[in-house]
Amino acid sequence: MLGVVAILWLAVIGLAPAVRLLAEAVGPAFPSLLQDASLWRATWRSLLVASGATLLATAIGTTLAGLLLLRAVPGRRVLIFLCILPLLVPPQILALAFTQMAGPSSPLLVSLDLAPPLGSSNPFHGPGGMMLLLGIQGAPLVFLAVAALVRRLPGELITAARGMGASPGMAMRQVVWPLLLPGVLAGAGLAYVAALGNFGIAAMLGIPGRYTVLTVLIWQRLSATGPAALSQVAALSLLLAAIALPGLLAQFLAARQDGWRGGQPFEPLAPTAWSRLALLPLGLYLFAVLLLPLAALLASALVPAMGMALTPDTATLRHFAATMAPGAHTLAAFGNSLLLSGGAALLLSLAALPVALALRHRLVRWATLGADLPYALPGACTAVSVILLVLGLPGGGAVYGTIGLILFAYLARFQALALRPVTAAAGRLDPALDDAARGLGAGTLRRLLAVHLPPLAPSLAAGAILVMLLAVNEVTVSSLLHGPGTQTLGVLVFNLQDGGQSPQAAAVSCLSLLLVAGLIGVATLLGRRLPAGTLPWRP
């Protein structure tokens, strides 16, 4: 019974949209697109930006992993959290913060008397800024992929290497890092796909810099003509998925190489003088990518207009008041985002319980690949596939642009994220408990509620909070699916900045970050009951 329910759910949420996208993309629109010069220009730019961002993310993530995961440096737990934090900051807010940290109209630079001359271009607009910010957001993915292997690293190997006369540094270079290379490869693949499918940074920095990539081209064409352009954007989405294949292949190869399991847990080595000294550049890095941009964001939200210095006389809360005023779009956007993220988190956590318990069936395990696909591929592919699937149903046109359509896309996009913590916890359950309950005459529903739900409840809640964290400020999917009255927080920030209302966009961003901080706090309290690695900032 559980197997049938799980397969039906996974087929509707994961496989059906992907199949519909493929069927539409290979239609008559594809050959005509091959003659479109703007398509190939956007494709080349997407590859260039994603490749540059991946190299930067791999360099940063690997360096951070070597310092914080393999050495017991002072303040290690706090530093790990801070290094992962850029991944939890919504991309459109990160882009807004960096752009308001530079340029002649930056309130922060004007206040410090460091602003460049009027008429100067913002250095973050264009491919260089896109690579930098995507690399910063991708670095935690590499870090977390390496951390997943460090948790299983056999501690006996270090002991054996030291017993053979190897120094700690030599043991790290010749024993530890070769075993961690699959994690570096997997993290690089994740960073590549994330950079390729990012819309928030690509739009906030690429549109002003006149540097259009594929995700922005898909949004532009769908926004210009609506459903009439679905065949074109389906072909564009398939092309985006095709150039994401190297990242997916890297993750597949890394998973095949990861065949070992640890014995004794690995204990970080004592810090050396060099690792202690490295804390200084690490602090400068965190200051540059977290504190400085967020200070610029707050300064922009507190000044009456861009280009003004922030002083006690000019500081104002009117932009925050405007965002919370009755009838403001902000309140509606907050409501939509909370409704969508909370609804998706609730439904996905409820579905994750039977799916995780049914994974002992081979067919269900194969069906989970359909759930992994929307999360692995760029978000634009998910959005377009959901539009095609829904519009192909009787009466589906009435759903276009509604909250229900965005919710369905969120279910497809974040299913894998909700399922992973529960799957790991379900694998540790004693099957004898289920057999005993079945022997006493308990039905499927009774066993789910009385036997399986209590021990899996923390993992279900952790998966739900992770979904809320990523969905509450999501912009890639909702930018393609929203209609009148259904814009989300991510879309609102983008629209305000695009409309020249930068201070109000900064104010909404600050409130969004407070919401994210609250969710992180709740998840951290819950995480004390979860195994290490369930939450990304507790590796």
Protein backbone atom coordinates (compact mmCIF):
# COMPACT_ATOMS: atom_id res chain seq x y z
CA MET A 1 0.00 0.00 0.00
CA LEU A 2 2.73 2.47 0.97
CA GLY A 3 4.64 1.61 -2.20
CA VAL A 4 1.66 2.44 -4.43
CA VAL A 5 1.03 5.76 -2.67
CA ALA A 6 4.71 6.69 -2.89
CA ILE A 7 4.99 5.88 -6.60
CA LEU A 8 1.84 7.84 -7.46
CA TRP A 9 3.04 10.87 -5.52
CA LEU A 10 6.52 10.81 -7.02
CA ALA A 11 5.14 10.31 -10.52
CA VAL A 12 2.82 13.33 -10.28
CA ILE A 13 5.29 15.63 -8.54
CA GLY A 14 8.51 14.69 -10.31
CA LEU A 15 8.15 12.61 -13.45
CA ALA A 16 5.04 14.10 -15.06
CA PRO A 17 6.37 17.70 -15.35
CA ALA A 18 9.71 16.49 -16.72
CA VAL A 19 8.06 14.29 -19.36
CA ARG A 20 5.74 17.13 -20.37
CA LEU A 21 8.67 19.52 -20.75
CA LEU A 22 10.55 17.05 -22.94
CA ALA A 23 7.50 16.46 -25.16
CA GLU A 24 6.99 20.19 -25.74
CA ALA A 25 10.67 21.03 -26.22
CA VAL A 26 11.16 18.63 -29.13
CA GLY A 27 8.28 20.26 -31.03
CA PRO A 28 8.44 22.56 -34.07
CA ALA A 29 9.79 25.55 -32.11
CA PHE A 30 13.17 23.98 -31.51
CA PRO A 31 14.54 24.13 -35.12
CA SER A 32 13.62 27.81 -35.47
CA LEU A 33 15.40 28.64 -32.23
CA LEU A 34 18.63 27.25 -33.64
CA GLN A 35 18.76 30.32 -35.92
CA ASP A 36 18.36 32.73 -33.00
CA ALA A 37 21.64 34.54 -32.35
CA SER A 38 20.46 35.85 -28.95
CA LEU A 39 19.92 32.25 -27.80
CA TRP A 40 23.49 31.18 -28.52
CA ARG A 41 24.85 34.40 -27.04
CA ALA A 42 22.91 33.78 -23.82
CA THR A 43 24.02 30.14 -23.80
CA TRP A 44 27.68 31.05 -24.12
CA ARG A 45 27.33 33.65 -21.39
CA SER A 46 25.60 31.16 -19.08
CA LEU A 47 28.40 28.65 -19.57
CA LEU A 48 31.07 31.29 -19.01
CA VAL A 49 29.49 32.69 -15.83
CA ALA A 50 28.67 29.25 -14.39
CA SER A 51 32.17 27.93 -15.10
CA GLY A 52 33.87 30.96 -13.55
CA ALA A 53 31.59 30.82 -10.51
CA THR A 54 32.26 27.10 -10.08
CA LEU A 55 36.02 27.58 -10.10
CA LEU A 56 35.73 30.33 -7.50
CA ALA A 57 33.27 28.35 -5.36
CA THR A 58 35.51 25.28 -5.45
CA ALA A 59 38.58 27.28 -4.43
CA ILE A 60 36.78 29.03 -1.55
CA GLY A 61 34.85 25.97 -0.37
CA THR A 62 37.87 23.68 -0.39
CA THR A 63 39.99 26.23 1.48
CA LEU A 64 37.30 26.69 4.13
CA ALA A 65 36.89 22.93 4.49
CA GLY A 66 40.61 22.41 4.99
CA LEU A 67 40.70 25.05 7.70
CA LEU A 68 37.45 24.43 9.60
CA LEU A 69 36.67 20.73 9.07
CA LEU A 70 40.13 19.23 9.44
CA ARG A 71 41.54 21.51 12.14
CA ALA A 72 40.09 22.26 15.58
CA VAL A 73 40.59 26.02 15.27
CA PRO A 74 39.16 28.37 17.94
CA GLY A 75 35.51 29.27 17.41
CA ARG A 76 35.11 26.47 14.90
CA ARG A 77 31.32 25.99 15.19
CA VAL A 78 30.54 29.69 14.88
CA LEU A 79 32.89 30.05 11.92
CA ILE A 80 31.28 27.06 10.17
CA PHE A 81 27.85 28.66 10.57
CA LEU A 82 29.09 32.00 9.22
CA CYS A 83 30.75 30.34 6.23
CA ILE A 84 27.49 28.56 5.32
CA LEU A 85 25.37 31.69 5.83
CA PRO A 86 25.83 33.07 2.27
CA LEU A 87 23.94 30.00 1.01
CA LEU A 88 20.96 30.92 3.21
CA VAL A 89 20.82 34.56 2.09
CA PRO A 90 18.38 34.82 -0.85
CA PRO A 91 20.32 35.50 -4.07
CA GLN A 92 18.35 38.60 -5.04
CA ILE A 93 19.01 40.10 -1.60
CA LEU A 94 22.70 39.23 -1.79
CA ALA A 95 22.89 40.92 -5.21
CA LEU A 96 21.00 43.97 -3.94
CA ALA A 97 23.32 44.26 -0.92
CA PHE A 98 26.46 44.10 -3.04
CA THR A 99 25.21 46.62 -5.60
CA GLN A 100 24.29 49.04 -2.82
CA MET A 101 27.75 48.56 -1.33
CA ALA A 102 29.36 50.02 -4.48
CA GLY A 103 28.68 52.70 -7.04
CA PRO A 104 28.39 56.50 -6.74
CA SER A 105 24.94 56.40 -5.08
CA SER A 106 25.84 53.95 -2.30
CA PRO A 107 24.71 55.52 1.02
CA LEU A 108 27.44 53.57 2.81
CA LEU A 109 30.22 54.92 0.59
CA VAL A 110 28.74 58.41 0.60
CA SER A 111 28.64 58.33 4.41
CA LEU A 112 32.30 57.27 4.51
CA ASP A 113 33.23 59.82 1.83
CA LEU A 114 34.49 56.99 -0.37
CA ALA A 115 31.92 57.11 -3.17
CA PRO A 116 33.29 57.15 -6.74
CA PRO A 117 32.48 60.11 -9.01
CA LEU A 118 28.94 60.54 -10.29
CA GLY A 119 28.38 58.70 -13.53
CA SER A 120 30.67 55.80 -12.58
CA SER A 121 29.29 52.36 -13.33
CA ASN A 122 28.62 49.86 -10.59
CA PRO A 123 31.50 47.33 -10.62
CA PHE A 124 29.16 44.44 -9.79
CA HIS A 125 26.98 44.90 -12.88
CA GLY A 126 28.05 42.44 -15.56
CA PRO A 127 29.73 39.04 -15.79
CA GLY A 128 32.48 39.72 -13.24
CA GLY A 129 30.05 40.59 -10.48
CA MET A 130 27.82 37.65 -11.40
CA MET A 131 30.73 35.21 -11.17
CA LEU A 132 31.84 36.67 -7.85
CA LEU A 133 28.45 36.49 -6.14
CA LEU A 134 27.54 33.09 -7.60
CA GLY A 135 30.93 31.83 -6.46
CA ILE A 136 30.32 33.14 -2.95
CA GLN A 137 26.90 31.46 -2.84
CA GLY A 138 28.28 28.23 -4.30
CA ALA A 139 31.22 27.94 -1.88
CA PRO A 140 29.03 26.56 0.97
CA LEU A 141 27.81 23.81 -1.38
CA VAL A 142 31.40 22.63 -1.88
CA PHE A 143 32.04 22.99 1.84
CA LEU A 144 28.98 20.89 2.75
CA ALA A 145 29.81 18.20 0.20
CA VAL A 146 33.28 17.82 1.74
CA ALA A 147 31.76 17.89 5.24
CA ALA A 148 29.53 14.92 4.34
CA LEU A 149 32.66 12.85 3.65
CA VAL A 150 34.55 14.14 6.69
CA ARG A 151 31.78 12.70 8.90
CA ARG A 152 32.59 9.23 7.52
CA LEU A 153 36.35 9.67 7.29
CA PRO A 154 38.08 6.69 8.96
CA GLY A 155 39.99 8.03 11.93
CA GLU A 156 42.22 4.93 11.89
CA LEU A 157 43.91 6.17 8.73
CA ILE A 158 45.39 9.18 10.49
CA THR A 159 46.55 6.98 13.36
CA ALA A 160 48.17 4.54 10.95
CA ALA A 161 49.87 7.30 8.97
CA ARG A 162 51.23 8.89 12.13
CA GLY A 163 52.43 5.49 13.32
CA MET A 164 54.44 5.15 10.10
CA GLY A 165 56.21 8.41 10.80
CA ALA A 166 54.12 10.82 8.74
CA SER A 167 53.71 14.33 10.08
CA PRO A 168 50.16 15.69 10.54
CA GLY A 169 50.56 17.81 7.41
CA MET A 170 51.80 14.88 5.34
CA ALA A 171 48.96 12.69 6.62
CA MET A 172 46.50 15.36 5.51
CA ARG A 173 48.00 15.72 2.03
CA GLN A 174 48.62 12.04 1.26
CA VAL A 175 45.83 10.28 3.17
CA VAL A 176 42.91 12.59 3.97
CA TRP A 177 42.56 14.83 0.91
CA PRO A 178 42.61 11.97 -1.65
CA LEU A 179 39.59 10.52 0.16
CA LEU A 180 37.85 13.89 0.16
CA LEU A 181 38.27 14.59 -3.56
CA PRO A 182 34.87 13.01 -4.43
CA GLY A 183 33.29 15.56 -2.09
CA VAL A 184 35.09 18.38 -3.87
CA LEU A 185 33.86 17.00 -7.22
CA ALA A 186 30.28 16.66 -5.98
CA GLY A 187 30.33 20.16 -4.51
CA ALA A 188 31.70 21.61 -7.74
CA GLY A 189 28.87 19.91 -9.65
CA LEU A 190 26.29 21.36 -7.24
CA ALA A 191 27.82 24.82 -7.50
CA TYR A 192 27.81 24.64 -11.31
CA VAL A 193 24.13 23.70 -11.55
CA ALA A 194 23.17 26.30 -8.92
CA ALA A 195 25.06 29.04 -10.78
CA LEU A 196 23.62 27.99 -14.13
CA GLY A 197 20.03 28.07 -12.90
CA ASN A 198 20.23 31.19 -10.72
CA PHE A 199 17.83 33.97 -11.64
CA GLY A 200 18.06 36.45 -8.76
CA ILE A 201 21.75 37.32 -9.17
CA ALA A 202 21.63 36.93 -12.96
CA ALA A 203 18.75 39.40 -13.26
CA MET A 204 19.84 41.94 -10.63
CA LEU A 205 23.38 42.17 -12.00
CA GLY A 206 23.00 41.04 -15.62
CA ILE A 207 20.11 43.22 -16.77
CA PRO A 208 21.72 46.54 -15.72
CA GLY A 209 25.02 45.30 -17.17
CA ARG A 210 23.30 44.24 -20.42
CA TYR A 211 24.61 40.72 -19.99
CA THR A 212 21.68 38.35 -20.55
CA VAL A 213 22.02 34.68 -19.62
CA LEU A 214 19.59 31.84 -20.32
CA THR A 215 17.53 32.11 -17.12
CA VAL A 216 16.91 35.80 -17.78
CA LEU A 217 16.15 35.14 -21.46
CA ILE A 218 13.52 32.56 -20.45
CA TRP A 219 11.93 35.08 -18.06
CA GLN A 220 11.97 37.85 -20.66
CA ARG A 221 10.29 35.78 -23.35
CA LEU A 222 7.67 34.29 -21.06
CA SER A 223 6.93 37.71 -19.53
CA ALA A 224 6.62 39.35 -22.95
CA THR A 225 4.12 36.97 -24.56
CA GLY A 226 2.88 34.69 -21.77
CA PRO A 227 1.63 31.17 -22.63
CA ALA A 228 2.08 31.86 -26.36
CA ALA A 229 5.83 31.51 -25.89
CA LEU A 230 5.67 28.17 -24.05
CA SER A 231 7.07 26.14 -26.93
CA GLN A 232 10.05 28.49 -27.17
CA VAL A 233 10.74 28.62 -23.45
CA ALA A 234 10.35 24.83 -23.24
CA ALA A 235 13.11 24.48 -25.80
CA LEU A 236 15.21 27.04 -23.91
CA SER A 237 14.62 25.14 -20.67
CA LEU A 238 15.68 21.89 -22.28
CA LEU A 239 18.84 23.59 -23.52
CA LEU A 240 19.46 24.88 -19.99
CA ALA A 241 19.01 21.36 -18.64
CA ALA A 242 21.39 20.00 -21.29
CA ILE A 243 24.22 22.34 -20.36
CA ALA A 244 23.62 21.45 -16.69
CA LEU A 245 24.57 17.83 -17.48
CA PRO A 246 28.30 18.30 -16.64
CA GLY A 247 27.31 19.28 -13.11
CA LEU A 248 24.98 16.30 -12.77
CA LEU A 249 27.69 14.02 -14.19
CA ALA A 250 30.20 15.33 -11.65
CA GLN A 251 27.82 14.48 -8.82
CA PHE A 252 27.19 11.00 -10.27
CA LEU A 253 30.90 10.26 -10.63
CA ALA A 254 31.55 11.51 -7.10
CA ALA A 255 28.84 9.23 -5.71
CA ARG A 256 30.40 6.22 -7.48
CA GLN A 257 33.83 6.97 -6.03
CA ASP A 258 32.44 7.31 -2.52
CA GLY A 259 32.40 3.62 -1.65
CA TRP A 260 34.17 3.62 1.70
CA ARG A 261 32.71 3.84 5.19
CA GLY A 262 34.41 5.09 8.30
CA GLY A 263 35.27 3.13 11.41
CA GLN A 264 36.37 5.36 14.26
CA PRO A 265 35.11 8.93 13.77
CA PHE A 266 37.63 11.41 12.49
CA GLU A 267 38.75 13.96 15.05
CA PRO A 268 40.01 17.32 13.74
CA LEU A 269 43.71 17.78 14.30
CA ALA A 270 45.12 20.37 16.64
CA PRO A 271 45.53 23.77 14.98
CA THR A 272 48.95 24.78 13.78
CA ALA A 273 50.45 28.25 13.83
CA TRP A 274 49.59 28.56 10.12
CA SER A 275 45.95 27.56 10.65
CA ARG A 276 45.62 30.08 13.48
CA LEU A 277 47.16 32.72 11.25
CA ALA A 278 44.66 31.81 8.49
CA LEU A 279 41.82 32.95 10.76
CA LEU A 280 42.74 36.55 9.92
CA PRO A 281 42.05 36.30 6.16
CA LEU A 282 39.00 34.19 7.00
CA GLY A 283 37.68 36.99 9.18
CA LEU A 284 38.33 39.50 6.39
CA TYR A 285 36.47 37.24 3.93
CA LEU A 286 33.43 36.98 6.22
CA PHE A 287 33.52 40.74 6.80
CA ALA A 288 33.58 41.36 3.05
CA VAL A 289 30.83 38.91 2.07
CA LEU A 290 28.49 39.26 5.07
CA LEU A 291 28.91 42.27 7.33
CA LEU A 292 29.84 44.91 4.76
CA PRO A 293 27.06 44.13 2.22
CA LEU A 294 24.42 43.83 4.95
CA ALA A 295 25.56 47.13 6.45
CA ALA A 296 25.19 48.71 3.00
CA LEU A 297 21.71 47.18 2.68
CA LEU A 298 20.62 48.57 6.04
CA ALA A 299 22.10 51.99 5.25
CA SER A 300 20.13 52.09 1.98
CA ALA A 301 16.94 51.25 3.85
CA LEU A 302 17.47 54.06 6.39
CA VAL A 303 18.24 57.01 4.07
CA PRO A 304 15.49 59.10 2.43
CA ALA A 305 16.96 58.48 -1.05
CA MET A 306 19.93 56.82 -2.69
CA GLY A 307 23.02 58.98 -2.89
CA MET A 308 22.47 60.55 0.54
CA ALA A 309 24.75 60.05 3.51
CA LEU A 310 23.38 58.22 6.55
CA THR A 311 23.54 60.58 9.54
CA PRO A 312 21.41 61.04 12.66
CA ASP A 313 19.59 63.83 10.81
CA THR A 314 18.88 61.85 7.62
CA ALA A 315 18.09 58.46 9.18
CA THR A 316 14.46 57.54 8.66
CA LEU A 317 12.19 54.55 9.09
CA ARG A 318 9.69 55.71 6.50
CA HIS A 319 10.65 52.99 4.01
CA PHE A 320 9.99 50.33 6.64
CA ALA A 321 6.72 52.02 7.50
CA ALA A 322 5.76 52.10 3.82
CA THR A 323 6.40 48.41 3.47
CA MET A 324 4.09 47.63 6.40
CA ALA A 325 1.38 50.15 5.54
CA PRO A 326 -2.14 48.79 4.97
CA GLY A 327 -2.64 47.95 1.33
CA ALA A 328 1.08 47.78 0.59
CA HIS A 329 2.23 45.01 -1.71
CA THR A 330 4.75 43.96 0.94
CA LEU A 331 2.15 42.59 3.32
CA ALA A 332 0.55 40.61 0.51
CA ALA A 333 3.96 39.34 -0.62
CA PHE A 334 4.84 38.27 2.92
CA GLY A 335 1.50 36.50 3.18
CA ASN A 336 1.94 34.77 -0.17
CA SER A 337 5.49 33.66 0.62
CA LEU A 338 4.60 32.36 4.06
CA LEU A 339 1.53 30.60 2.70
CA LEU A 340 3.47 29.01 -0.16
CA SER A 341 6.55 28.03 1.83
CA GLY A 342 4.54 26.82 4.83
CA GLY A 343 2.08 24.92 2.65
CA ALA A 344 4.85 23.30 0.65
CA ALA A 345 6.74 22.41 3.83
CA LEU A 346 3.65 20.85 5.41
CA LEU A 347 2.57 18.85 2.36
CA LEU A 348 6.10 17.65 1.57
CA SER A 349 6.75 16.57 5.16
CA LEU A 350 3.48 14.62 5.19
CA ALA A 351 4.37 12.96 1.88
CA ALA A 352 7.96 12.26 2.96
CA LEU A 353 6.85 9.86 5.68
CA PRO A 354 5.25 7.16 3.47
CA VAL A 355 7.79 7.70 0.69
CA ALA A 356 10.77 7.21 3.03
CA LEU A 357 9.26 4.07 4.53
CA ALA A 358 8.51 2.63 1.08
CA LEU A 359 12.08 2.99 -0.20
CA ARG A 360 12.75 -0.69 0.49
CA HIS A 361 10.87 -1.33 -2.77
CA ARG A 362 13.14 -1.05 -5.81
CA LEU A 363 10.48 0.63 -7.95
CA VAL A 364 10.05 3.38 -5.34
CA ARG A 365 13.80 3.96 -5.25
CA TRP A 366 13.81 4.41 -9.02
CA ALA A 367 10.81 6.74 -8.78
CA THR A 368 12.69 8.98 -6.34
CA LEU A 369 14.95 9.91 -9.25
CA GLY A 370 11.95 11.81 -10.57
CA ALA A 371 11.82 13.76 -7.31
CA ASP A 372 15.54 14.46 -7.42
CA LEU A 373 15.43 15.76 -11.00
CA PRO A 374 13.51 19.04 -10.38
CA TYR A 375 15.85 19.90 -7.49
CA ALA A 376 18.98 18.99 -9.43
CA LEU A 377 18.02 20.91 -12.58
CA PRO A 378 17.75 24.71 -12.78
CA GLY A 379 14.55 26.16 -11.31
CA ALA A 380 13.49 27.67 -14.64
CA CYS A 381 13.09 24.14 -16.03
CA THR A 382 10.75 23.24 -13.16
CA ALA A 383 8.65 26.38 -13.64
CA VAL A 384 8.19 25.88 -17.37
CA SER A 385 7.45 22.17 -17.01
CA VAL A 386 4.75 22.87 -14.42
CA ILE A 387 3.12 25.49 -16.67
CA LEU A 388 3.03 23.04 -19.57
CA LEU A 389 1.64 20.23 -17.44
CA VAL A 390 -1.13 22.30 -15.87
CA LEU A 391 -2.18 24.08 -19.07
CA GLY A 392 -2.50 20.70 -20.77
CA LEU A 393 -5.21 19.64 -18.31
CA PRO A 394 -8.91 20.44 -18.80
CA GLY A 395 -9.54 23.87 -17.29
CA GLY A 396 -5.83 24.32 -16.61
CA GLY A 397 -5.83 27.81 -18.07
CA ALA A 398 -7.75 29.08 -15.03
CA VAL A 399 -4.85 28.01 -12.79
CA TYR A 400 -2.21 30.03 -14.66
CA GLY A 401 -0.80 32.83 -12.47
CA THR A 402 -2.46 31.57 -9.29
CA ILE A 403 -1.06 30.61 -5.89
CA GLY A 404 -1.99 26.99 -6.60
CA LEU A 405 0.30 26.82 -9.62
CA ILE A 406 3.26 28.21 -7.65
CA LEU A 407 2.54 25.78 -4.81
CA PHE A 408 2.59 22.82 -7.19
CA ALA A 409 5.92 24.03 -8.59
CA TYR A 410 7.32 24.34 -5.08
CA LEU A 411 6.24 20.78 -4.31
CA ALA A 412 8.12 19.57 -7.37
CA ARG A 413 11.15 21.79 -6.73
CA PHE A 414 11.71 21.00 -3.03
CA GLN A 415 10.49 17.38 -2.72
CA ALA A 416 14.04 16.01 -2.57
CA LEU A 417 15.04 18.51 0.12
CA ALA A 418 12.20 17.41 2.40
CA LEU A 419 12.81 13.72 1.73
CA ARG A 420 16.54 13.45 2.49
CA PRO A 421 16.51 13.93 6.31
CA VAL A 422 13.57 11.55 6.68
CA THR A 423 15.17 8.93 4.44
CA ALA A 424 18.34 8.95 6.53
CA ALA A 425 16.37 8.64 9.78
CA ALA A 426 14.04 5.93 8.40
CA GLY A 427 17.06 3.82 7.45
CA ARG A 428 17.99 3.60 11.15
CA LEU A 429 14.58 2.33 12.32
CA ASP A 430 14.33 -1.24 13.61
CA PRO A 431 12.04 -3.15 11.19
CA ALA A 432 11.06 -5.46 14.06
CA LEU A 433 8.83 -2.70 15.46
CA ASP A 434 6.77 -2.57 12.28
CA ASP A 435 6.56 -6.37 12.14
CA ALA A 436 5.38 -6.50 15.75
CA ALA A 437 2.70 -3.86 15.14
CA ARG A 438 1.53 -5.71 12.04
CA GLY A 439 1.38 -8.93 14.03
CA LEU A 440 -0.88 -7.25 16.58
CA GLY A 441 -3.30 -6.32 13.79
CA ALA A 442 -2.37 -2.67 13.28
CA GLY A 443 -3.21 -1.36 9.84
CA THR A 444 -1.00 0.79 7.61
CA LEU A 445 -2.31 4.13 8.90
CA ARG A 446 -2.13 3.03 12.53
CA ARG A 447 1.50 1.88 12.13
CA LEU A 448 2.42 5.16 10.42
CA LEU A 449 1.02 7.24 13.28
CA ALA A 450 1.92 5.07 16.27
CA VAL A 451 5.18 3.35 15.25
CA HIS A 452 6.94 5.45 12.63
CA LEU A 453 5.82 9.04 13.19
CA PRO A 454 7.19 9.59 16.74
CA PRO A 455 10.86 8.70 15.99
CA LEU A 456 10.77 10.40 12.57
CA ALA A 457 8.98 13.59 13.69
CA PRO A 458 12.21 15.61 14.29
CA SER A 459 13.53 14.70 10.84
CA LEU A 460 10.18 15.56 9.26
CA ALA A 461 10.23 18.93 11.00
CA ALA A 462 13.84 19.57 9.99
CA GLY A 463 13.03 18.86 6.34
CA ALA A 464 10.00 21.15 6.54
CA ILE A 465 12.08 24.01 7.97
CA LEU A 466 14.74 23.57 5.28
CA VAL A 467 12.01 23.81 2.65
CA MET A 468 10.64 26.97 4.27
CA LEU A 469 14.12 28.53 4.43
CA LEU A 470 14.68 28.14 0.70
CA ALA A 471 11.08 28.66 -0.45
CA VAL A 472 10.14 31.75 1.55
CA ASN A 473 12.41 34.01 -0.53
CA GLU A 474 12.50 31.91 -3.72
CA VAL A 475 12.51 33.96 -6.92
CA THR A 476 13.46 31.77 -9.91
CA VAL A 477 10.25 29.72 -10.04
CA SER A 478 7.86 32.39 -8.77
CA SER A 479 9.17 35.03 -11.21
CA LEU A 480 7.90 32.86 -14.07
CA LEU A 481 4.64 31.74 -12.46
CA HIS A 482 3.23 34.67 -10.49
CA GLY A 483 0.21 36.67 -11.61
CA PRO A 484 -1.72 39.68 -10.32
CA GLY A 485 -1.89 39.53 -6.52
CA THR A 486 0.37 36.49 -6.23
CA GLN A 487 3.84 38.02 -6.19
CA THR A 488 6.19 36.64 -3.55
CA LEU A 489 8.88 38.33 -1.47
CA GLY A 490 11.60 37.43 -3.95
CA VAL A 491 9.63 38.84 -6.86
CA LEU A 492 8.75 41.97 -4.87
CA VAL A 493 12.40 42.77 -4.10
CA PHE A 494 13.28 42.32 -7.77
CA ASN A 495 10.37 44.46 -8.97
CA LEU A 496 11.10 47.26 -6.51
CA GLN A 497 14.75 47.42 -7.50
CA ASP A 498 13.88 47.16 -11.19
CA GLY A 499 11.40 50.02 -10.75
CA GLY A 500 14.00 52.33 -9.19
CA GLN A 501 12.71 52.05 -5.60
CA SER A 502 16.01 50.89 -4.12
CA PRO A 503 15.49 52.09 -0.50
CA GLN A 504 12.16 50.31 -0.25
CA ALA A 505 13.68 47.20 -1.84
CA ALA A 506 16.39 47.36 0.82
CA ALA A 507 13.77 47.69 3.58
CA VAL A 508 11.84 44.65 2.32
CA SER A 509 15.12 42.73 2.09
CA CYS A 510 16.00 43.54 5.71
CA LEU A 511 12.61 42.28 6.87
CA SER A 512 13.05 39.15 4.76
CA LEU A 513 16.42 38.49 6.39
CA LEU A 514 14.81 38.80 9.83
CA LEU A 515 12.31 36.14 8.77
CA VAL A 516 15.14 33.87 7.58
CA ALA A 517 17.00 34.43 10.87
CA GLY A 518 13.91 33.35 12.81
CA LEU A 519 13.58 30.17 10.77
CA ILE A 520 17.28 29.41 11.28
CA GLY A 521 16.84 29.88 15.03
CA VAL A 522 13.90 27.48 15.17
CA ALA A 523 15.78 24.92 13.07
CA THR A 524 18.86 25.22 15.30
CA LEU A 525 16.81 24.51 18.43
CA LEU A 526 15.23 21.52 16.72
CA GLY A 527 18.60 20.38 15.38
CA ARG A 528 19.82 19.40 18.83
CA ARG A 529 17.72 16.25 18.50
CA LEU A 530 18.99 15.41 15.02
CA PRO A 531 22.10 13.61 13.79
CA ALA A 532 25.02 15.74 12.64
CA GLY A 533 24.68 16.86 9.03
CA THR A 534 20.86 16.98 8.99
CA LEU A 535 21.00 20.77 9.08
CA PRO A 536 23.58 22.34 6.75
CA TRP A 537 25.13 24.56 9.43
CA ARG A 538 25.65 21.59 11.80
CA PRO A 539 28.08 19.43 9.79
